[in-house]
C-alpha atoms as a PDB file:
ATOM      1  CA  MET A   1     105.530 104.206  84.703  1.00  0.00           C
ATOM      2  CA  LEU A   2     101.760 103.961  84.522  1.00  0.00           C
ATOM      3  CA  SER A   3      99.806 106.083  86.925  1.00  0.00           C
ATOM      4  CA  LYS A   4      96.108 105.739  86.011  1.00  0.00           C
ATOM      5  CA  CYS A   5      93.606 103.865  83.911  1.00  0.00           C
ATOM      6  CA  LEU A   6      93.846 104.557  80.170  1.00  0.00           C
ATOM      7  CA  ASN A   7      90.116 105.356  80.110  1.00  0.00           C
ATOM      8  CA  SER A   8      90.000 109.154  80.433  1.00  0.00           C
ATOM      9  CA  HIS A   9      86.563 108.905  82.103  1.00  0.00           C
ATOM     10  CA  CYS A  10      87.969 106.744  84.919  1.00  0.00           C
ATOM     11  CA  SER A  11      89.963 107.986  87.887  1.00  0.00           C
ATOM     12  CA  ALA A  12      91.345 104.621  89.076  1.00  0.00           C
ATOM     13  CA  THR A  13      95.053 104.722  89.891  1.00  0.00           C
ATOM     14  CA  PHE A  14      97.547 101.959  89.134  1.00  0.00           C
ATOM     15  CA  GLN A  15      98.842 100.318  92.323  1.00  0.00           C
ATOM     16  CA  TYR A  16      99.386  96.578  91.784  1.00  0.00           C
ATOM     17  CA  LEU A  17     100.138  94.381  88.759  1.00  0.00           C
ATOM     18  CA  GLY A  18      97.387  91.930  89.728  1.00  0.00           C
ATOM     19  CA  GLU A  19      94.622  94.508  89.377  1.00  0.00           C
ATOM     20  CA  GLY A  20      93.105  95.257  85.997  1.00  0.00           C
ATOM     21  CA  ARG A  21      94.776  94.494  82.696  1.00  0.00           C
ATOM     22  CA  LEU A  22      98.208  95.567  81.508  1.00  0.00           C
ATOM     23  CA  PHE A  23      98.938  95.939  77.770  1.00  0.00           C
ATOM     24  CA  ARG A  24     102.368  96.077  76.152  1.00  0.00           C
ATOM     25  CA  ILE A  25     102.350  97.481  72.638  1.00  0.00           C
ATOM     26  CA  ASP A  26     105.417  96.859  70.495  1.00  0.00           C
ATOM     27  CA  TYR A  27     105.032  99.279  67.611  1.00  0.00           C
ATOM     28  CA  THR A  28     107.876  97.729  65.620  1.00  0.00           C
ATOM     29  CA  GLU A  29     106.208  94.279  65.719  1.00  0.00           C
ATOM     30  CA  ALA A  30     102.772  95.712  64.878  1.00  0.00           C
ATOM     31  CA  GLY A  31     104.255  97.421  61.828  1.00  0.00           C
ATOM     32  CA  LYS A  32     105.985  94.229  60.681  1.00  0.00           C
ATOM     33  CA  LYS A  33     102.767  92.205  61.008  1.00  0.00           C
ATOM     34  CA  ARG A  34     100.764  94.752  59.006  1.00  0.00           C
ATOM     35  CA  ALA A  35     103.451  94.777  56.298  1.00  0.00           C
ATOM     36  CA  MET A  36     103.462  90.962  56.106  1.00  0.00           C
ATOM     37  CA  ALA A  37      99.647  90.970  55.837  1.00  0.00           C
ATOM     38  CA  GLY A  38      99.883  93.354  52.876  1.00  0.00           C
ATOM     39  CA  MET A  39      98.388  96.260  54.812  1.00  0.00           C
ATOM     40  CA  GLN A  40      99.509  99.842  54.478  1.00  0.00           C
ATOM     41  CA  VAL A  41     102.199 100.623  57.037  1.00  0.00           C
ATOM     42  CA  VAL A  42     102.287 104.127  58.461  1.00  0.00           C
ATOM     43  CA  PRO A  43     105.705 104.869  59.963  1.00  0.00           C
ATOM     44  CA  SER A  44     105.530 105.599  63.670  1.00  0.00           C
ATOM     45  CA  GLN A  45     106.559 109.027  64.923  1.00  0.00           C
ATOM     46  CA  ARG A  46     108.190 107.398  67.947  1.00  0.00           C
ATOM     47  CA  SER A  47     111.936 107.125  68.247  1.00  0.00           C
ATOM     48  CA  LYS A  48     113.546 103.679  68.252  1.00  0.00           C
ATOM     49  CA  ALA A  49     113.971 103.983  72.032  1.00  0.00           C
ATOM     50  CA  LYS A  50     110.180 104.463  72.439  1.00  0.00           C
ATOM     51  CA  ALA A  51     109.097 101.598  70.175  1.00  0.00           C
ATOM     52  CA  MET A  52     107.315  99.907  73.106  1.00  0.00           C
ATOM     53  CA  GLU A  53     104.697 101.386  75.447  1.00  0.00           C
ATOM     54  CA  HIS A  54     102.613 100.066  78.333  1.00  0.00           C
ATOM     55  CA  PHE A  55      98.961 100.838  79.000  1.00  0.00           C
ATOM     56  CA  TRP A  56      96.713  99.811  81.886  1.00  0.00           C
ATOM     57  CA  LEU A  57      92.959  99.420  82.269  1.00  0.00           C
ATOM     58  CA  CYS A  58      91.498  99.056  85.769  1.00  0.00           C
ATOM     59  CA  GLU A  59      89.455  95.957  86.546  1.00  0.00           C
ATOM     60  CA  ARG A  60      86.112  97.716  86.019  1.00  0.00           C
ATOM     61  CA  CYS A  61      87.095  99.221  82.639  1.00  0.00           C
ATOM     62  CA  ALA A  62      88.852  96.027  81.480  1.00  0.00           C
ATOM     63  CA  SER A  63      85.592  94.113  81.900  1.00  0.00           C
ATOM     64  CA  LYS A  64      83.950  96.386  79.285  1.00  0.00           C
ATOM     65  CA  LEU A  65      86.830  97.760  77.186  1.00  0.00           C
ATOM     66  CA  THR A  66      90.019  96.673  75.473  1.00  0.00           C
ATOM     67  CA  ILE A  67      92.522  98.518  73.306  1.00  0.00           C
ATOM     68  CA  GLU A  68      93.523  98.319  69.661  1.00  0.00           C
ATOM     69  CA  VAL A  69      96.322  99.867  67.643  1.00  0.00           C
ATOM     70  CA  THR A  70      95.177 101.720  64.538  1.00  0.00           C
ATOM     71  CA  ASP A  71      97.048 101.700  61.232  1.00  0.00           C
ATOM     72  CA  ALA A  72      98.449 105.101  62.254  1.00  0.00           C
ATOM     73  CA  SER A  73      99.979 103.443  65.366  1.00  0.00           C
ATOM     74  CA  GLU A  74      97.541 105.162  67.704  1.00  0.00           C
ATOM     75  CA  VAL A  75      96.063 103.330  70.685  1.00  0.00           C
ATOM     76  CA  ARG A  76      92.323 103.606  71.172  1.00  0.00           C
ATOM     77  CA  LEU A  77      89.733 102.104  73.490  1.00  0.00           C
ATOM     78  CA  VAL A  78      87.132  99.793  71.979  1.00  0.00           C
ATOM     79  CA  PRO A  79      84.231  97.900  73.593  1.00  0.00           C
ATOM     80  CA  TYR A  80      85.153  94.376  74.648  1.00  0.00           C
ATOM     81  CA  GLU A  81      83.080  91.906  72.671  1.00  0.00           C
ATOM     82  CA  ILE A  82      82.135  88.533  74.077  1.00  0.00           C
ATOM     83  CA  PRO A  83      82.939  85.773  71.541  1.00  0.00           C
ATOM     84  CA  PRO A  84      79.776  84.290  69.894  1.00  0.00           C
ATOM     85  CA  LEU A  85      80.254  80.911  71.633  1.00  0.00           C
ATOM     86  CA  GLU A  86      80.299  82.625  75.037  1.00  0.00           C
ATOM     87  CA  LYS A  87      77.159  84.626  74.127  1.00  0.00           C
ATOM     88  CA  SER A  88      75.253  81.414  73.361  1.00  0.00           C
ATOM     89  CA  LYS A  89      76.361  79.890  76.686  1.00  0.00           C
ATOM     90  CA  LEU A  90      75.203  83.005  78.547  1.00  0.00           C
ATOM     91  CA  ALA A  91      71.839  82.933  76.752  1.00  0.00           C
ATOM     92  CA  ALA A  92      71.364  79.226  77.584  1.00  0.00           C
ATOM     93  CA  THR A  93      72.022  79.832  81.302  1.00  0.00           C
ATOM     94  CA  ALA A  94      69.673  82.815  81.387  1.00  0.00           C
ATOM     95  CA  SER A  95      66.780  80.735  80.001  1.00  0.00           C
END
């Protein structure tokens, strides 16, 4: 089970499902989608029993970061980007 935030610079501990953001990565599905999109598929080193993993970001980190799965089936943190439409709304309210 999850014990702490995926962000290695954060010390928040997982306590409740309602706090932060929980991610479920199905490596078999990700591989199928990449194959259907014509992308290079790198076979996962995980066993069939470990084809799915869960990751958690605390509320503070989830407001700034999200995760993505690389072509090598590695999970990495990336900055959360506000969609362009939301940016224009924020700019209009700030004016």
